[in-house]
Every structure is written in structure tokens, then in C-alpha cells.
Amino acid sequence: MFLGLITFEWAWAQVKPIRKIDESRDSKYPAFRRWDVHKWRKWRFYFGAVTFMLLRFICSLLLVIICYIFVR
């Protein structure tokens, strides 16, 4: 759980330029504009970060091990 929270907090800090709405930037690149950014709430992401992060990490690690075995 702690690893999920740390990873989420790091990712939330990294997407600050995306969360900050900048009309001068977004008007130049309308295809890449996020229209749902005003709906993002930090507390809504915590459930997934705490519960699913460990499961996703284990599945990713298992997939890498299986790929290594079969490709080797």
C-alpha cells in the first residue's frame, strides 16, 4: 500500500503541467488538450493506488519473468 501511495504522489506531481490549464498552450495544440482535467480529484485516485498497485506490480514482474524464460 505504501509503495502505491508513494508512486501515486510522484505521478501526481509529474502531471502538474497537464493539470494546470494554460489557454495559450492549449490553443496551439488542441488535439492534445485534456478536456477532463477539471474533473480530476486527487482523493478519487487513492483507492486505485492503494489497492491495485501491488497487484499490477506483481503481474508485471511475473510477465517479465515469463517473457525472459520463453525468449531466452
C-alpha atoms as a PDB file:
ATOM      1  CA  MET A   1       0.000   0.000   0.000  1.00  0.00           C
ATOM      2  CA  PHE A   2       2.788   2.376   0.900  1.00  0.00           C
ATOM      3  CA  LEU A   3       4.538   1.820  -2.436  1.00  0.00           C
ATOM      4  CA  GLY A   4       1.292   2.618  -4.233  1.00  0.00           C
ATOM      5  CA  LEU A   5       0.879   5.880  -2.336  1.00  0.00           C
ATOM      6  CA  ILE A   6       4.456   6.936  -2.959  1.00  0.00           C
ATOM      7  CA  THR A   7       4.180   6.149  -6.664  1.00  0.00           C
ATOM      8  CA  PHE A   8       0.874   7.981  -6.954  1.00  0.00           C
ATOM      9  CA  GLU A   9       2.194  11.082  -5.203  1.00  0.00           C
ATOM     10  CA  TRP A  10       5.205  11.119  -7.521  1.00  0.00           C
ATOM     11  CA  ALA A  11       2.996  10.736 -10.604  1.00  0.00           C
ATOM     12  CA  TRP A  12       0.591  13.438  -9.391  1.00  0.00           C
ATOM     13  CA  ALA A  13       3.495  15.860  -9.037  1.00  0.00           C
ATOM     14  CA  GLN A  14       4.771  14.967 -12.510  1.00  0.00           C
ATOM     15  CA  VAL A  15       1.459  15.804 -14.241  1.00  0.00           C
ATOM     16  CA  LYS A  16       1.200  19.276 -12.739  1.00  0.00           C
ATOM     17  CA  PRO A  17       1.764  20.965 -16.138  1.00  0.00           C
ATOM     18  CA  ILE A  18      -1.113  18.928 -17.550  1.00  0.00           C
ATOM     19  CA  ARG A  19      -3.408  19.675 -14.609  1.00  0.00           C
ATOM     20  CA  LYS A  20      -2.700  23.386 -14.862  1.00  0.00           C
ATOM     21  CA  ILE A  21      -4.911  24.778 -17.615  1.00  0.00           C
ATOM     22  CA  ASP A  22      -2.876  27.084 -19.847  1.00  0.00           C
ATOM     23  CA  GLU A  23      -5.027  28.567 -22.608  1.00  0.00           C
ATOM     24  CA  SER A  24      -2.090  29.918 -24.612  1.00  0.00           C
ATOM     25  CA  ARG A  25      -0.524  26.448 -24.761  1.00  0.00           C
ATOM     26  CA  ASP A  26      -3.780  24.572 -25.276  1.00  0.00           C
ATOM     27  CA  SER A  27      -4.920  26.813 -28.120  1.00  0.00           C
ATOM     28  CA  LYS A  28      -1.735  25.963 -30.058  1.00  0.00           C
ATOM     29  CA  TYR A  29      -2.184  22.201 -29.635  1.00  0.00           C
ATOM     30  CA  PRO A  30      -5.929  21.499 -29.478  1.00  0.00           C
ATOM     31  CA  ALA A  31      -5.532  17.820 -30.404  1.00  0.00           C
ATOM     32  CA  PHE A  32      -3.512  17.182 -27.254  1.00  0.00           C
ATOM     33  CA  ARG A  33      -5.679  19.158 -24.842  1.00  0.00           C
ATOM     34  CA  ARG A  34      -7.171  17.331 -21.862  1.00  0.00           C
ATOM     35  CA  TRP A  35     -10.836  18.286 -21.634  1.00  0.00           C
ATOM     36  CA  ASP A  36     -11.463  16.316 -18.427  1.00  0.00           C
ATOM     37  CA  VAL A  37      -8.735  17.851 -16.275  1.00  0.00           C
ATOM     38  CA  HIS A  38     -11.172  19.945 -14.270  1.00  0.00           C
ATOM     39  CA  LYS A  39     -12.846  16.715 -13.084  1.00  0.00           C
ATOM     40  CA  TRP A  40      -9.659  15.224 -11.641  1.00  0.00           C
ATOM     41  CA  ARG A  41      -9.708  14.980  -7.855  1.00  0.00           C
ATOM     42  CA  LYS A  42      -6.708  13.653  -6.000  1.00  0.00           C
ATOM     43  CA  TRP A  43      -8.679  11.763  -3.368  1.00  0.00           C
ATOM     44  CA  ARG A  44     -10.506   9.739  -6.043  1.00  0.00           C
ATOM     45  CA  PHE A  45      -7.255   8.190  -7.253  1.00  0.00           C
ATOM     46  CA  TYR A  46      -6.153   6.966  -3.826  1.00  0.00           C
ATOM     47  CA  PHE A  47      -8.351   3.848  -3.815  1.00  0.00           C
ATOM     48  CA  GLY A  48      -6.809   2.510  -7.010  1.00  0.00           C
ATOM     49  CA  ALA A  49      -3.301   3.454  -5.956  1.00  0.00           C
ATOM     50  CA  VAL A  50      -3.613   1.636  -2.642  1.00  0.00           C
ATOM     51  CA  THR A  51      -5.440  -1.488  -3.792  1.00  0.00           C
ATOM     52  CA  PHE A  52      -4.434  -2.192  -7.384  1.00  0.00           C
ATOM     53  CA  MET A  53      -0.816  -1.034  -7.347  1.00  0.00           C
ATOM     54  CA  LEU A  54       0.516  -4.166  -5.658  1.00  0.00           C
ATOM     55  CA  LEU A  55      -1.482  -6.441  -7.981  1.00  0.00           C
ATOM     56  CA  ARG A  56      -0.244  -4.590 -11.073  1.00  0.00           C
ATOM     57  CA  PHE A  57       3.342  -4.735  -9.854  1.00  0.00           C
ATOM     58  CA  ILE A  58       3.167  -8.490  -9.229  1.00  0.00           C
ATOM     59  CA  CYS A  59       1.551  -9.129 -12.625  1.00  0.00           C
ATOM     60  CA  SER A  60       4.187  -7.022 -14.379  1.00  0.00           C
ATOM     61  CA  LEU A  61       7.009  -8.815 -12.628  1.00  0.00           C
ATOM     62  CA  LEU A  62       5.500 -12.211 -13.452  1.00  0.00           C
ATOM     63  CA  LEU A  63       5.102 -11.196 -17.109  1.00  0.00           C
ATOM     64  CA  VAL A  64       8.737 -10.104 -17.339  1.00  0.00           C
ATOM     65  CA  ILE A  65       9.893 -13.397 -15.833  1.00  0.00           C
ATOM     66  CA  ILE A  66       7.727 -15.430 -18.236  1.00  0.00           C
ATOM     67  CA  CYS A  67       8.979 -13.423 -21.230  1.00  0.00           C
ATOM     68  CA  TYR A  68      12.558 -13.913 -20.123  1.00  0.00           C
ATOM     69  CA  ILE A  69      12.082 -17.677 -19.840  1.00  0.00           C
ATOM     70  CA  PHE A  70      10.459 -18.088 -23.245  1.00  0.00           C
ATOM     71  CA  VAL A  71      12.642 -15.659 -25.183  1.00  0.00           C
ATOM     72  CA  ARG A  72      15.876 -16.919 -23.745  1.00  0.00           C
END
